[in-house]
Structure formats: structure tokens, C-alpha cells
Amino acid sequence: MKKAYLGAVLFCALGCIYFITQADILWAVITAALAAALAYLFLRARGQQPASPAPLVYITPGGSHYHSSPACPHIGAKAQAVTLKKAQRQGLKPCGHCAGR
């Protein structure tokens, strides 16, 4: 059972990377969420408490704001998911449309 969970997580993680390279952010987010859910189930089955995941935001190269939604109308086409902490360390401000709420 342990190998099945790890294999599924790896498969979803690779799918996430593939969709990011294809600039298909929605499917990348879906596969990342699926990988996280499978990892959570794996850890729970082993009796371990998983660490709480870091919140993700979306940034674009050269942008000055981070976005909480990949569907924000103010986001560029080449958005990438990063942790909120990383976006704040880069000096980015929250988007007034999606992240400021």
C-alpha cells in the first residue's frame, strides 16, 4: 500500500510539472492538489501528522504583485506558483483584485 501511495504522488507531481511547462496553470493546480491529498492520505495511513502546507500564490516575471487565483484577470500568461512567503520576500504586494480580499 505504501508503494501505491508514493507512486500516485510521484505520478501527480510529474503531471503538475508537465502542465506547468505547457502553461496550463489550472491543470497544474489540480494535479498538485491531488498529489498533496495523496501524500496526506499516505502520512495518515502511517499514523503521522502531516505538516500544514504553505499557501501558494501566483507571480509573473517582472510583476510587482502576487495573485491568490490563477484565474485573476490581472495575471499574465506566464504565471508560476510560489509560496506566499517567497513572494513577500521578493517584495511583491498583494493584487488588489484577487489577493487583497
Protein backbone atom coordinates (compact mmCIF):
# COMPACT_ATOMS: atom_id res chain seq x y z
CA MET A 1 0.00 0.00 0.00
CA LYS A 2 2.86 2.37 0.82
CA LYS A 3 4.35 1.96 -2.67
CA ALA A 4 0.96 2.62 -4.26
CA TYR A 5 0.60 5.98 -2.46
CA LEU A 6 4.16 7.02 -3.27
CA GLY A 7 3.73 6.03 -6.90
CA ALA A 8 0.49 8.00 -7.17
CA VAL A 9 2.07 11.07 -5.55
CA LEU A 10 5.04 10.87 -7.93
CA PHE A 11 2.73 10.48 -10.92
CA CYS A 12 0.70 13.55 -9.89
CA ALA A 13 3.83 15.58 -9.20
CA LEU A 14 5.20 14.77 -12.65
CA GLY A 15 1.83 15.67 -14.15
CA CYS A 16 1.95 19.00 -12.33
CA ILE A 17 5.40 19.74 -13.76
CA TYR A 18 4.21 18.81 -17.24
CA PHE A 19 1.18 21.11 -17.06
CA ILE A 20 3.30 24.00 -15.75
CA THR A 21 5.65 23.62 -18.72
CA GLN A 22 2.63 23.69 -21.00
CA ALA A 23 1.43 26.92 -19.30
CA ASP A 24 -1.78 25.17 -18.23
CA ILE A 25 -1.97 26.55 -14.70
CA LEU A 26 -5.43 25.18 -13.89
CA TRP A 27 -4.42 21.55 -14.53
CA ALA A 28 -1.12 22.13 -12.73
CA VAL A 29 -3.04 23.29 -9.64
CA ILE A 30 -5.43 20.33 -9.88
CA THR A 31 -2.63 17.77 -10.11
CA ALA A 32 -0.68 19.48 -7.31
CA ALA A 33 -3.77 19.34 -5.09
CA LEU A 34 -4.24 15.68 -5.94
CA ALA A 35 -0.60 14.93 -5.09
CA ALA A 36 -0.99 16.77 -1.77
CA ALA A 37 -4.17 14.84 -0.96
CA LEU A 38 -2.49 11.51 -1.72
CA ALA A 39 0.54 12.45 0.36
CA TYR A 40 -1.79 13.39 3.23
CA LEU A 41 -3.55 10.02 2.99
CA PHE A 42 -0.20 8.23 2.90
CA LEU A 43 1.02 10.00 6.04
CA ARG A 44 -2.30 9.46 7.80
CA ALA A 45 -2.18 5.75 6.95
CA ARG A 46 1.28 5.59 8.53
CA GLY A 47 -0.01 7.34 11.66
CA GLN A 48 1.96 10.54 11.08
CA GLN A 49 0.59 14.05 11.20
CA PRO A 50 1.43 15.94 8.00
CA ALA A 51 2.78 19.48 8.20
CA SER A 52 0.34 22.16 7.14
CA PRO A 53 1.04 23.20 3.54
CA ALA A 54 2.38 26.64 2.77
CA PRO A 55 -0.17 28.85 0.99
CA LEU A 56 0.52 29.22 -2.73
CA VAL A 57 0.22 32.42 -4.74
CA TYR A 58 0.91 33.16 -8.39
CA ILE A 59 3.51 35.55 -9.76
CA THR A 60 4.68 36.60 -13.20
CA PRO A 61 8.20 37.51 -14.30
CA GLY A 62 8.76 41.22 -13.81
CA GLY A 63 5.44 41.65 -11.99
CA SER A 64 5.07 43.73 -8.85
CA HIS A 65 2.10 41.88 -7.33
CA TYR A 66 1.17 38.33 -6.33
CA HIS A 67 -2.20 36.77 -7.03
CA SER A 68 -4.23 34.32 -4.96
CA SER A 69 -6.05 32.96 -8.01
CA PRO A 70 -4.58 31.75 -11.31
CA ALA A 71 -7.82 32.97 -12.92
CA CYS A 72 -7.29 36.62 -11.87
CA PRO A 73 -7.84 38.91 -14.88
CA HIS A 74 -4.76 40.93 -13.87
CA ILE A 75 -2.36 37.98 -14.07
CA GLY A 76 -0.07 37.39 -17.03
CA ALA A 77 0.08 34.28 -19.18
CA LYS A 78 3.39 33.05 -17.74
CA ALA A 79 2.33 32.83 -14.11
CA GLN A 80 4.10 30.46 -11.76
CA ALA A 81 3.00 29.15 -8.37
CA VAL A 82 5.24 30.05 -5.41
CA THR A 83 4.74 30.17 -1.67
CA LEU A 84 3.29 33.31 -0.18
CA LYS A 85 6.44 33.69 1.92
CA LYS A 86 8.66 33.64 -1.18
CA ALA A 87 6.51 36.24 -2.95
CA GLN A 88 6.68 38.50 0.11
CA ARG A 89 10.47 38.04 0.36
CA GLN A 90 10.70 39.24 -3.25
CA GLY A 91 8.92 42.44 -2.18
CA LEU A 92 5.73 41.71 -4.14
CA LYS A 93 2.48 43.27 -2.99
CA PRO A 94 -0.96 41.58 -3.00
CA CYS A 95 -3.11 42.10 -6.07
CA GLY A 96 -5.94 44.49 -5.28
CA HIS A 97 -8.37 42.36 -7.28
CA CYS A 98 -7.80 38.81 -6.00
CA ALA A 99 -5.28 38.79 -3.15
CA GLY A 100 -6.30 41.94 -1.35
CA ARG A 101 -9.57 40.46 -0.11
